[in-house]
Amino acid sequence: MMVKICGVTVREDALAAANAGAGAIGFNFYPASPRYIDRDRASEIGAGLPLTKVGIFVNEAPERVKEIMEAAALDIAQVYGDRSYTGLRTWRACRVQSADFALPDDGDAEAFLLDGFAPGVYGGSGQMFPWWIARSLPRPVVLAGGLDPDNVRDAIAQAQPWGVDACSRIETSPGRKDRDKMKRFIEAALEAALAVSA
């Protein structure tokens, strides 16, 4: 189970995520986000950590994404929008608005991150969607949107995703994690993944 902690803005939260067993952390490069950081800060936060480092981009030009990924030593670009990012490792992020959701045509994406829909918000909205939608999809899915320590077990049981992602519901303020909630989220997700695979 890939467990990702998104919207990381300080080194201490990244270290705590790694120590608790997270597999990935996310840095938000969307300027309108309250969790926005620049590439230099992301590079400092992630330096030397044994985690997959994910950059979140919204309708960003492929050349700019590549530039930031290289400068910040990122592993994956989590991309919102319709642009093509051939040649880059990507997770295609999708905001789920209805039960008839279908994955977009993106053969290059390694996985698809499904997020709840909130107008004008790309990640970190805390909005949920029916988790069962993810279960029948034919590609690896990272489940996001409103996940926390109290509901992630149920979410994993319903969706059986490849990964889970938490942000706003494990924070004390935008970009600052409640480390107890974060640890409990990671532990609950990993335990639930073992139960599903048993």
N, C-alpha and C. Protein backbone atom coordinates (compact mmCIF):
# COMPACT_ATOMS: atom_id res chain seq x y z
N MET A 1 0.85 -1.20 0.00
CA MET A 1 0.00 0.00 0.00
C MET A 1 0.88 1.24 0.00
N MET A 2 0.68 2.09 -0.99
CA MET A 2 1.37 3.37 -1.04
C MET A 2 0.61 4.36 -0.16
N VAL A 3 1.23 4.82 0.91
CA VAL A 3 0.60 5.81 1.80
C VAL A 3 1.32 7.13 1.59
N LYS A 4 0.58 8.12 1.12
CA LYS A 4 1.15 9.43 0.80
C LYS A 4 0.59 10.49 1.74
N ILE A 5 1.49 11.32 2.25
CA ILE A 5 1.11 12.49 3.04
C ILE A 5 1.34 13.71 2.16
N CYS A 6 0.27 14.42 1.87
CA CYS A 6 0.36 15.52 0.90
C CYS A 6 0.35 16.89 1.58
N GLY A 7 0.81 17.88 0.84
CA GLY A 7 0.82 19.24 1.34
C GLY A 7 1.85 19.49 2.42
N VAL A 8 3.00 18.79 2.31
CA VAL A 8 4.06 18.96 3.31
C VAL A 8 4.79 20.27 3.04
N THR A 9 5.02 21.05 4.10
CA THR A 9 5.68 22.35 3.95
C THR A 9 6.86 22.53 4.89
N VAL A 10 7.07 21.58 5.82
CA VAL A 10 8.19 21.70 6.75
C VAL A 10 8.90 20.35 6.88
N ARG A 11 10.20 20.42 7.10
CA ARG A 11 11.03 19.22 7.20
C ARG A 11 10.58 18.29 8.33
N GLU A 12 10.19 18.87 9.45
CA GLU A 12 9.81 18.06 10.61
C GLU A 12 8.63 17.15 10.30
N ASP A 13 7.66 17.65 9.52
CA ASP A 13 6.53 16.81 9.15
C ASP A 13 6.96 15.70 8.19
N ALA A 14 7.87 16.00 7.29
CA ALA A 14 8.37 14.98 6.37
C ALA A 14 9.10 13.88 7.13
N LEU A 15 9.92 14.26 8.09
CA LEU A 15 10.63 13.27 8.91
C LEU A 15 9.65 12.40 9.69
N ALA A 16 8.63 13.03 10.27
CA ALA A 16 7.64 12.29 11.03
C ALA A 16 6.87 11.32 10.14
N ALA A 17 6.56 11.73 8.92
CA ALA A 17 5.87 10.85 7.97
C ALA A 17 6.73 9.64 7.65
N ALA A 18 8.01 9.89 7.38
CA ALA A 18 8.93 8.79 7.07
C ALA A 18 9.05 7.83 8.25
N ASN A 19 9.19 8.37 9.44
CA ASN A 19 9.36 7.54 10.64
C ASN A 19 8.12 6.71 10.94
N ALA A 20 6.94 7.21 10.54
CA ALA A 20 5.69 6.50 10.80
C ALA A 20 5.40 5.43 9.74
N GLY A 21 6.17 5.43 8.65
CA GLY A 21 5.98 4.40 7.64
C GLY A 21 5.34 4.84 6.34
N ALA A 22 5.19 6.15 6.13
CA ALA A 22 4.65 6.62 4.85
C ALA A 22 5.58 6.23 3.71
N GLY A 23 5.01 6.06 2.54
CA GLY A 23 5.81 5.73 1.36
C GLY A 23 6.09 6.92 0.49
N ALA A 24 5.31 8.02 0.67
CA ALA A 24 5.47 9.18 -0.20
C ALA A 24 5.03 10.44 0.53
N ILE A 25 5.60 11.56 0.11
CA ILE A 25 5.15 12.88 0.56
C ILE A 25 4.90 13.74 -0.68
N GLY A 26 3.97 14.68 -0.54
CA GLY A 26 3.62 15.54 -1.66
C GLY A 26 3.91 17.00 -1.38
N PHE A 27 4.45 17.67 -2.40
CA PHE A 27 4.72 19.11 -2.34
C PHE A 27 3.83 19.81 -3.36
N ASN A 28 3.15 20.87 -2.93
CA ASN A 28 2.20 21.55 -3.79
C ASN A 28 2.84 22.75 -4.48
N PHE A 29 2.90 22.69 -5.81
CA PHE A 29 3.47 23.77 -6.61
C PHE A 29 2.40 24.60 -7.32
N TYR A 30 1.16 24.49 -6.86
CA TYR A 30 0.07 25.29 -7.41
C TYR A 30 0.00 26.59 -6.62
N PRO A 31 0.31 27.73 -7.24
CA PRO A 31 0.43 28.99 -6.49
C PRO A 31 -0.81 29.39 -5.69
N ALA A 32 -1.99 28.96 -6.11
CA ALA A 32 -3.21 29.34 -5.39
C ALA A 32 -3.45 28.49 -4.15
N SER A 33 -2.67 27.46 -3.96
CA SER A 33 -2.87 26.58 -2.80
C SER A 33 -2.30 27.21 -1.53
N PRO A 34 -2.99 27.05 -0.40
CA PRO A 34 -2.43 27.53 0.88
C PRO A 34 -1.22 26.71 1.32
N ARG A 35 -0.96 25.60 0.63
CA ARG A 35 0.19 24.74 0.95
C ARG A 35 1.31 24.89 -0.08
N TYR A 36 1.24 25.93 -0.89
CA TYR A 36 2.25 26.15 -1.94
C TYR A 36 3.64 26.36 -1.33
N ILE A 37 4.62 25.69 -1.93
CA ILE A 37 6.02 25.98 -1.63
C ILE A 37 6.79 26.01 -2.94
N ASP A 38 7.97 26.62 -2.92
CA ASP A 38 8.76 26.67 -4.14
C ASP A 38 9.70 25.47 -4.22
N ARG A 39 10.36 25.35 -5.36
CA ARG A 39 11.17 24.15 -5.60
C ARG A 39 12.36 24.05 -4.67
N ASP A 40 12.94 25.18 -4.30
CA ASP A 40 14.09 25.15 -3.39
C ASP A 40 13.69 24.64 -2.02
N ARG A 41 12.55 25.09 -1.54
CA ARG A 41 12.06 24.63 -0.23
C ARG A 41 11.74 23.14 -0.28
N ALA A 42 11.11 22.68 -1.36
CA ALA A 42 10.81 21.26 -1.50
C ALA A 42 12.08 20.43 -1.50
N SER A 43 13.10 20.92 -2.18
CA SER A 43 14.37 20.20 -2.23
C SER A 43 14.97 20.07 -0.83
N GLU A 44 14.91 21.14 -0.05
CA GLU A 44 15.44 21.13 1.32
C GLU A 44 14.66 20.14 2.20
N ILE A 45 13.34 20.17 2.08
CA ILE A 45 12.51 19.33 2.94
C ILE A 45 12.73 17.85 2.63
N GLY A 46 12.84 17.52 1.36
CA GLY A 46 12.92 16.12 0.97
C GLY A 46 14.30 15.52 0.94
N ALA A 47 15.32 16.34 1.11
CA ALA A 47 16.70 15.87 0.93
C ALA A 47 17.02 14.67 1.82
N GLY A 48 17.46 13.59 1.18
CA GLY A 48 17.93 12.42 1.91
C GLY A 48 16.87 11.53 2.51
N LEU A 49 15.60 11.86 2.34
CA LEU A 49 14.55 11.04 2.95
C LEU A 49 14.21 9.85 2.08
N PRO A 50 14.00 8.67 2.68
CA PRO A 50 13.71 7.45 1.92
C PRO A 50 12.24 7.36 1.55
N LEU A 51 11.74 8.37 0.87
CA LEU A 51 10.34 8.46 0.49
C LEU A 51 10.23 8.81 -0.99
N THR A 52 9.14 8.42 -1.62
CA THR A 52 8.83 8.90 -2.96
C THR A 52 8.37 10.34 -2.83
N LYS A 53 8.99 11.22 -3.60
CA LYS A 53 8.67 12.64 -3.52
C LYS A 53 7.82 13.03 -4.73
N VAL A 54 6.63 13.56 -4.43
CA VAL A 54 5.62 13.83 -5.45
C VAL A 54 5.37 15.33 -5.52
N GLY A 55 5.39 15.88 -6.72
CA GLY A 55 5.06 17.28 -6.93
C GLY A 55 3.66 17.41 -7.47
N ILE A 56 2.87 18.32 -6.92
CA ILE A 56 1.48 18.53 -7.38
C ILE A 56 1.46 19.75 -8.29
N PHE A 57 0.93 19.55 -9.50
CA PHE A 57 0.89 20.59 -10.52
C PHE A 57 -0.51 20.70 -11.10
N VAL A 58 -0.96 21.92 -11.39
CA VAL A 58 -2.28 22.16 -11.95
C VAL A 58 -2.13 22.89 -13.28
N ASN A 59 -2.48 22.21 -14.37
CA ASN A 59 -2.43 22.81 -15.72
C ASN A 59 -1.09 23.46 -16.02
N GLU A 60 -0.02 22.86 -15.52
CA GLU A 60 1.32 23.43 -15.69
C GLU A 60 1.95 22.92 -17.00
N ALA A 61 2.73 23.78 -17.65
CA ALA A 61 3.40 23.40 -18.88
C ALA A 61 4.39 22.27 -18.61
N PRO A 62 4.45 21.27 -19.50
CA PRO A 62 5.35 20.14 -19.28
C PRO A 62 6.80 20.55 -19.05
N GLU A 63 7.26 21.57 -19.75
CA GLU A 63 8.64 22.01 -19.58
C GLU A 63 8.88 22.54 -18.17
N ARG A 64 7.89 23.24 -17.65
CA ARG A 64 8.00 23.79 -16.29
C ARG A 64 7.97 22.67 -15.25
N VAL A 65 7.10 21.67 -15.48
CA VAL A 65 7.04 20.53 -14.57
C VAL A 65 8.39 19.81 -14.53
N LYS A 66 8.95 19.57 -15.70
CA LYS A 66 10.24 18.88 -15.77
C LYS A 66 11.32 19.67 -15.05
N GLU A 67 11.32 20.99 -15.23
CA GLU A 67 12.31 21.86 -14.60
C GLU A 67 12.22 21.78 -13.08
N ILE A 68 11.00 21.86 -12.55
CA ILE A 68 10.81 21.82 -11.09
C ILE A 68 11.15 20.44 -10.55
N MET A 69 10.75 19.38 -11.26
CA MET A 69 11.05 18.03 -10.80
C MET A 69 12.56 17.81 -10.68
N GLU A 70 13.30 18.29 -11.65
CA GLU A 70 14.75 18.12 -11.61
C GLU A 70 15.37 18.94 -10.50
N ALA A 71 14.93 20.19 -10.36
CA ALA A 71 15.52 21.08 -9.36
C ALA A 71 15.21 20.63 -7.93
N ALA A 72 14.02 20.06 -7.73
CA ALA A 72 13.60 19.64 -6.38
C ALA A 72 13.85 18.16 -6.12
N ALA A 73 14.44 17.46 -7.09
CA ALA A 73 14.72 16.02 -6.97
C ALA A 73 13.46 15.23 -6.66
N LEU A 74 12.42 15.47 -7.48
CA LEU A 74 11.14 14.77 -7.31
C LEU A 74 11.12 13.48 -8.12
N ASP A 75 10.30 12.54 -7.67
CA ASP A 75 10.17 11.25 -8.35
C ASP A 75 8.97 11.19 -9.28
N ILE A 76 7.88 11.82 -8.87
CA ILE A 76 6.60 11.72 -9.58
C ILE A 76 5.97 13.10 -9.68
N ALA A 77 5.32 13.38 -10.81
CA ALA A 77 4.49 14.57 -10.95
C ALA A 77 3.03 14.15 -10.87
N GLN A 78 2.31 14.69 -9.90
CA GLN A 78 0.86 14.47 -9.78
C GLN A 78 0.19 15.62 -10.50
N VAL A 79 -0.44 15.35 -11.64
CA VAL A 79 -0.87 16.41 -12.54
C VAL A 79 -2.39 16.49 -12.66
N TYR A 80 -2.91 17.69 -12.47
CA TYR A 80 -4.32 18.00 -12.73
C TYR A 80 -4.39 18.72 -14.07
N GLY A 81 -5.45 18.44 -14.84
CA GLY A 81 -5.64 19.10 -16.11
C GLY A 81 -5.54 18.14 -17.28
N ASP A 82 -5.54 18.70 -18.48
CA ASP A 82 -5.61 17.89 -19.69
C ASP A 82 -4.32 17.84 -20.49
N ARG A 83 -3.26 18.44 -19.99
CA ARG A 83 -2.02 18.45 -20.75
C ARG A 83 -1.37 17.06 -20.78
N SER A 84 -0.55 16.84 -21.80
CA SER A 84 0.20 15.59 -21.93
C SER A 84 1.59 15.78 -21.34
N TYR A 85 2.03 14.77 -20.60
CA TYR A 85 3.34 14.83 -19.94
C TYR A 85 4.20 13.62 -20.32
N THR A 86 4.19 13.27 -21.59
CA THR A 86 4.97 12.15 -22.09
C THR A 86 6.44 12.33 -21.73
N GLY A 87 7.04 11.26 -21.23
CA GLY A 87 8.45 11.33 -20.86
C GLY A 87 8.69 11.62 -19.39
N LEU A 88 7.63 11.97 -18.65
CA LEU A 88 7.74 12.22 -17.22
C LEU A 88 6.96 11.15 -16.46
N ARG A 89 7.43 10.78 -15.28
CA ARG A 89 6.67 9.87 -14.42
C ARG A 89 5.51 10.66 -13.82
N THR A 90 4.29 10.20 -14.06
CA THR A 90 3.13 10.96 -13.60
C THR A 90 2.08 10.07 -12.93
N TRP A 91 1.37 10.71 -12.01
CA TRP A 91 0.09 10.23 -11.52
C TRP A 91 -0.93 11.25 -12.02
N ARG A 92 -1.93 10.81 -12.74
CA ARG A 92 -2.97 11.71 -13.24
C ARG A 92 -4.01 11.92 -12.15
N ALA A 93 -4.20 13.15 -11.71
CA ALA A 93 -5.15 13.47 -10.65
C ALA A 93 -6.50 13.82 -11.26
N CYS A 94 -7.55 13.25 -10.70
CA CYS A 94 -8.91 13.44 -11.20
C CYS A 94 -9.83 13.81 -10.05
N ARG A 95 -10.68 14.79 -10.27
CA ARG A 95 -11.67 15.17 -9.26
C ARG A 95 -12.99 14.49 -9.62
N VAL A 96 -13.47 13.64 -8.73
CA VAL A 96 -14.65 12.81 -9.01
C VAL A 96 -15.91 13.59 -8.65
N GLN A 97 -16.77 13.81 -9.64
CA GLN A 97 -17.99 14.58 -9.43
C GLN A 97 -19.25 13.73 -9.40
N SER A 98 -19.20 12.52 -10.00
CA SER A 98 -20.42 11.72 -10.07
C SER A 98 -20.07 10.23 -10.09
N ALA A 99 -21.09 9.41 -9.89
CA ALA A 99 -20.89 7.96 -9.82
C ALA A 99 -20.55 7.34 -11.16
N ASP A 100 -20.79 8.06 -12.26
CA ASP A 100 -20.46 7.51 -13.57
C ASP A 100 -19.05 7.92 -14.02
N PHE A 101 -18.20 8.22 -13.05
CA PHE A 101 -16.83 8.61 -13.34
C PHE A 101 -16.11 7.53 -14.15
N ALA A 102 -15.31 7.98 -15.13
CA ALA A 102 -14.45 7.09 -15.91
C ALA A 102 -13.06 7.70 -15.97
N LEU A 103 -12.05 6.87 -15.97
CA LEU A 103 -10.68 7.37 -16.03
C LEU A 103 -10.44 8.07 -17.36
N PRO A 104 -9.68 9.17 -17.35
CA PRO A 104 -9.31 9.80 -18.61
C PRO A 104 -8.33 8.93 -19.39
N ASP A 105 -8.22 9.20 -20.65
CA ASP A 105 -7.31 8.44 -21.52
C ASP A 105 -5.89 8.96 -21.33
N ASP A 106 -5.13 8.27 -20.52
CA ASP A 106 -3.74 8.67 -20.27
C ASP A 106 -2.91 7.41 -20.07
N GLY A 107 -2.42 6.87 -21.16
CA GLY A 107 -1.65 5.64 -21.10
C GLY A 107 -0.29 5.81 -20.47
N ASP A 108 0.18 7.05 -20.32
CA ASP A 108 1.50 7.29 -19.74
C ASP A 108 1.47 7.33 -18.22
N ALA A 109 0.31 7.55 -17.63
CA ALA A 109 0.22 7.69 -16.17
C ALA A 109 0.51 6.36 -15.49
N GLU A 110 1.33 6.42 -14.43
CA GLU A 110 1.62 5.21 -13.64
C GLU A 110 0.45 4.86 -12.72
N ALA A 111 -0.30 5.87 -12.31
CA ALA A 111 -1.46 5.67 -11.44
C ALA A 111 -2.39 6.86 -11.61
N PHE A 112 -3.60 6.72 -11.09
CA PHE A 112 -4.59 7.79 -11.13
C PHE A 112 -5.00 8.11 -9.70
N LEU A 113 -4.85 9.37 -9.32
CA LEU A 113 -5.27 9.82 -8.00
C LEU A 113 -6.68 10.35 -8.10
N LEU A 114 -7.59 9.77 -7.33
CA LEU A 114 -8.99 10.20 -7.33
C LEU A 114 -9.24 11.06 -6.10
N ASP A 115 -9.71 12.26 -6.34
CA ASP A 115 -9.92 13.24 -5.28
C ASP A 115 -11.37 13.68 -5.29
N GLY A 116 -11.85 14.17 -4.15
CA GLY A 116 -13.18 14.75 -4.11
C GLY A 116 -13.21 16.07 -4.85
N PHE A 117 -14.40 16.45 -5.31
CA PHE A 117 -14.54 17.69 -6.09
C PHE A 117 -14.95 18.85 -5.20
N ALA A 118 -14.23 19.96 -5.36
CA ALA A 118 -14.63 21.24 -4.77
C ALA A 118 -14.29 22.31 -5.81
N PRO A 119 -15.22 23.20 -6.13
CA PRO A 119 -14.97 24.18 -7.19
C PRO A 119 -13.71 25.00 -6.94
N GLY A 120 -12.82 25.02 -7.93
CA GLY A 120 -11.62 25.83 -7.85
C GLY A 120 -10.53 25.32 -6.93
N VAL A 121 -10.74 24.13 -6.35
CA VAL A 121 -9.76 23.57 -5.40
C VAL A 121 -9.16 22.31 -6.00
N TYR A 122 -7.83 22.23 -5.97
CA TYR A 122 -7.12 21.09 -6.52
C TYR A 122 -6.27 20.47 -5.40
N GLY A 123 -6.86 19.49 -4.71
CA GLY A 123 -6.17 18.84 -3.61
C GLY A 123 -6.37 19.57 -2.30
N GLY A 124 -6.44 18.79 -1.22
CA GLY A 124 -6.53 19.38 0.11
C GLY A 124 -7.87 19.98 0.46
N SER A 125 -8.94 19.62 -0.29
CA SER A 125 -10.25 20.20 -0.01
C SER A 125 -10.97 19.48 1.12
N GLY A 126 -10.59 18.22 1.38
CA GLY A 126 -11.28 17.42 2.39
C GLY A 126 -12.60 16.86 1.91
N GLN A 127 -12.93 17.03 0.62
CA GLN A 127 -14.19 16.54 0.07
C GLN A 127 -14.08 15.06 -0.29
N MET A 128 -15.06 14.29 0.13
CA MET A 128 -15.08 12.86 -0.17
C MET A 128 -15.95 12.57 -1.39
N PHE A 129 -15.81 11.36 -1.90
CA PHE A 129 -16.68 10.85 -2.95
C PHE A 129 -16.94 9.37 -2.62
N PRO A 130 -17.91 8.73 -3.29
CA PRO A 130 -18.18 7.32 -2.98
C PRO A 130 -16.97 6.44 -3.30
N TRP A 131 -16.39 5.86 -2.28
CA TRP A 131 -15.13 5.13 -2.45
C TRP A 131 -15.25 3.93 -3.37
N TRP A 132 -16.42 3.32 -3.42
CA TRP A 132 -16.59 2.12 -4.23
C TRP A 132 -16.31 2.37 -5.71
N ILE A 133 -16.40 3.64 -6.13
CA ILE A 133 -16.15 3.98 -7.53
C ILE A 133 -14.76 3.51 -7.95
N ALA A 134 -13.80 3.57 -7.03
CA ALA A 134 -12.42 3.25 -7.38
C ALA A 134 -12.18 1.76 -7.55
N ARG A 135 -13.04 0.93 -6.97
CA ARG A 135 -12.74 -0.50 -6.88
C ARG A 135 -12.68 -1.20 -8.24
N SER A 136 -13.51 -0.80 -9.17
CA SER A 136 -13.58 -1.52 -10.45
C SER A 136 -12.72 -0.90 -11.55
N LEU A 137 -11.99 0.15 -11.22
CA LEU A 137 -11.20 0.81 -12.26
C LEU A 137 -10.01 -0.05 -12.65
N PRO A 138 -9.63 -0.03 -13.94
CA PRO A 138 -8.63 -0.97 -14.44
C PRO A 138 -7.17 -0.55 -14.26
N ARG A 139 -6.93 0.55 -13.60
CA ARG A 139 -5.56 1.04 -13.43
C ARG A 139 -5.27 1.26 -11.94
N PRO A 140 -4.00 1.33 -11.53
CA PRO A 140 -3.69 1.61 -10.13
C PRO A 140 -4.29 2.94 -9.69
N VAL A 141 -4.93 2.92 -8.52
CA VAL A 141 -5.63 4.11 -8.01
C VAL A 141 -5.07 4.50 -6.66
N VAL A 142 -4.82 5.81 -6.50
CA VAL A 142 -4.51 6.40 -5.21
C VAL A 142 -5.78 7.11 -4.74
N LEU A 143 -6.32 6.69 -3.62
CA LEU A 143 -7.57 7.24 -3.10
C LEU A 143 -7.26 8.46 -2.24
N ALA A 144 -7.92 9.57 -2.53
CA ALA A 144 -7.71 10.81 -1.78
C ALA A 144 -9.07 11.46 -1.52
N GLY A 145 -9.05 12.56 -0.79
CA GLY A 145 -10.28 13.31 -0.56
C GLY A 145 -10.96 12.96 0.75
N GLY A 146 -10.65 13.72 1.80
CA GLY A 146 -11.36 13.55 3.06
C GLY A 146 -10.95 12.36 3.90
N LEU A 147 -9.79 11.78 3.62
CA LEU A 147 -9.35 10.62 4.40
C LEU A 147 -8.69 11.07 5.70
N ASP A 148 -8.91 10.26 6.75
CA ASP A 148 -8.33 10.56 8.06
C ASP A 148 -8.17 9.25 8.82
N PRO A 149 -7.63 9.29 10.04
CA PRO A 149 -7.41 8.04 10.77
C PRO A 149 -8.68 7.25 11.06
N ASP A 150 -9.81 7.93 11.12
CA ASP A 150 -11.05 7.27 11.50
C ASP A 150 -11.78 6.61 10.33
N ASN A 151 -11.51 7.04 9.10
CA ASN A 151 -12.27 6.47 7.98
C ASN A 151 -11.41 5.72 6.96
N VAL A 152 -10.09 5.75 7.11
CA VAL A 152 -9.25 5.16 6.06
C VAL A 152 -9.40 3.65 5.98
N ARG A 153 -9.67 2.99 7.09
CA ARG A 153 -9.88 1.53 7.04
C ARG A 153 -11.09 1.19 6.19
N ASP A 154 -12.18 1.90 6.41
CA ASP A 154 -13.40 1.66 5.64
C ASP A 154 -13.17 2.00 4.17
N ALA A 155 -12.44 3.09 3.91
CA ALA A 155 -12.16 3.49 2.53
C ALA A 155 -11.37 2.40 1.80
N ILE A 156 -10.38 1.85 2.46
CA ILE A 156 -9.57 0.80 1.84
C ILE A 156 -10.38 -0.47 1.63
N ALA A 157 -11.23 -0.81 2.59
CA ALA A 157 -12.07 -2.00 2.44
C ALA A 157 -13.01 -1.87 1.25
N GLN A 158 -13.56 -0.66 1.05
CA GLN A 158 -14.51 -0.46 -0.05
C GLN A 158 -13.81 -0.35 -1.41
N ALA A 159 -12.71 0.40 -1.46
CA ALA A 159 -12.08 0.73 -2.74
C ALA A 159 -10.97 -0.22 -3.14
N GLN A 160 -10.31 -0.83 -2.16
CA GLN A 160 -9.14 -1.67 -2.39
C GLN A 160 -8.16 -0.99 -3.35
N PRO A 161 -7.71 0.21 -3.00
CA PRO A 161 -6.85 0.98 -3.89
C PRO A 161 -5.39 0.53 -3.82
N TRP A 162 -4.61 1.01 -4.75
CA TRP A 162 -3.16 0.79 -4.73
C TRP A 162 -2.51 1.67 -3.67
N GLY A 163 -3.11 2.86 -3.44
CA GLY A 163 -2.56 3.79 -2.46
C GLY A 163 -3.62 4.69 -1.87
N VAL A 164 -3.26 5.38 -0.79
CA VAL A 164 -4.13 6.37 -0.16
C VAL A 164 -3.33 7.64 0.10
N ASP A 165 -4.05 8.75 0.18
CA ASP A 165 -3.43 10.06 0.29
C ASP A 165 -4.22 10.90 1.29
N ALA A 166 -3.54 11.51 2.26
CA ALA A 166 -4.21 12.37 3.22
C ALA A 166 -3.55 13.74 3.25
N CYS A 167 -4.37 14.74 3.55
CA CYS A 167 -3.84 16.11 3.62
C CYS A 167 -4.58 16.91 4.69
N SER A 168 -5.70 17.53 4.32
CA SER A 168 -6.32 18.53 5.19
C SER A 168 -6.84 17.96 6.50
N ARG A 169 -7.29 16.72 6.53
CA ARG A 169 -7.89 16.18 7.74
C ARG A 169 -6.87 15.65 8.75
N ILE A 170 -5.58 15.80 8.41
CA ILE A 170 -4.55 15.44 9.40
C ILE A 170 -3.66 16.66 9.67
N GLU A 171 -4.26 17.85 9.59
CA GLU A 171 -3.52 19.10 9.79
C GLU A 171 -4.01 19.88 11.00
N THR A 172 -3.11 20.71 11.54
CA THR A 172 -3.50 21.70 12.54
C THR A 172 -3.82 23.02 11.85
N SER A 173 -3.19 23.27 10.69
CA SER A 173 -3.45 24.42 9.82
C SER A 173 -2.92 24.03 8.46
N PRO A 174 -3.32 24.74 7.38
CA PRO A 174 -2.86 24.34 6.05
C PRO A 174 -1.33 24.24 5.95
N GLY A 175 -0.87 23.03 5.63
CA GLY A 175 0.56 22.80 5.47
C GLY A 175 1.29 22.36 6.72
N ARG A 176 0.62 22.36 7.86
CA ARG A 176 1.24 21.91 9.11
C ARG A 176 0.47 20.71 9.64
N LYS A 177 1.17 19.58 9.77
CA LYS A 177 0.50 18.35 10.12
C LYS A 177 0.33 18.18 11.63
N ASP A 178 -0.79 17.58 12.00
CA ASP A 178 -0.99 17.08 13.36
C ASP A 178 -0.29 15.73 13.37
N ARG A 179 0.86 15.66 14.01
CA ARG A 179 1.69 14.45 13.85
C ARG A 179 1.08 13.21 14.47
N ASP A 180 0.28 13.38 15.50
CA ASP A 180 -0.42 12.23 16.07
C ASP A 180 -1.45 11.69 15.08
N LYS A 181 -2.25 12.58 14.48
CA LYS A 181 -3.24 12.16 13.48
C LYS A 181 -2.54 11.53 12.27
N MET A 182 -1.44 12.12 11.86
CA MET A 182 -0.71 11.60 10.71
C MET A 182 -0.20 10.19 10.98
N LYS A 183 0.38 9.98 12.16
CA LYS A 183 0.89 8.66 12.52
C LYS A 183 -0.25 7.64 12.58
N ARG A 184 -1.36 8.04 13.18
CA ARG A 184 -2.49 7.12 13.27
C ARG A 184 -3.07 6.81 11.89
N PHE A 185 -3.08 7.80 11.00
CA PHE A 185 -3.56 7.57 9.63
C PHE A 185 -2.68 6.55 8.92
N ILE A 186 -1.38 6.74 8.99
CA ILE A 186 -0.45 5.83 8.31
C ILE A 186 -0.58 4.42 8.87
N GLU A 187 -0.61 4.29 10.19
CA GLU A 187 -0.73 2.97 10.80
C GLU A 187 -2.05 2.29 10.43
N ALA A 188 -3.14 3.05 10.44
CA ALA A 188 -4.45 2.47 10.10
C ALA A 188 -4.48 2.02 8.65
N ALA A 189 -3.89 2.83 7.76
CA ALA A 189 -3.88 2.47 6.34
C ALA A 189 -3.08 1.19 6.10
N LEU A 190 -1.92 1.10 6.71
CA LEU A 190 -1.08 -0.08 6.51
C LEU A 190 -1.74 -1.33 7.09
N GLU A 191 -2.37 -1.19 8.25
CA GLU A 191 -3.08 -2.32 8.85
C GLU A 191 -4.25 -2.76 7.98
N ALA A 192 -5.00 -1.80 7.44
CA ALA A 192 -6.15 -2.12 6.59
C ALA A 192 -5.70 -2.80 5.30
N ALA A 193 -4.58 -2.37 4.77
CA ALA A 193 -4.06 -2.99 3.54
C ALA A 193 -3.71 -4.45 3.78
N LEU A 194 -3.14 -4.74 4.94
CA LEU A 194 -2.81 -6.13 5.27
C LEU A 194 -4.08 -6.97 5.41
N ALA A 195 -5.09 -6.40 6.00
CA ALA A 195 -6.35 -7.12 6.19
C ALA A 195 -7.01 -7.43 4.84
N VAL A 196 -6.94 -6.49 3.90
CA VAL A 196 -7.54 -6.69 2.58
C VAL A 196 -6.80 -7.78 1.81
N SER A 197 -5.48 -7.81 1.96
CA SER A 197 -4.69 -8.77 1.20
C SER A 197 -4.63 -10.16 1.83
N ALA A 198 -5.11 -10.27 3.07
CA ALA A 198 -5.05 -11.56 3.78
C ALA A 198 -6.02 -12.58 3.19
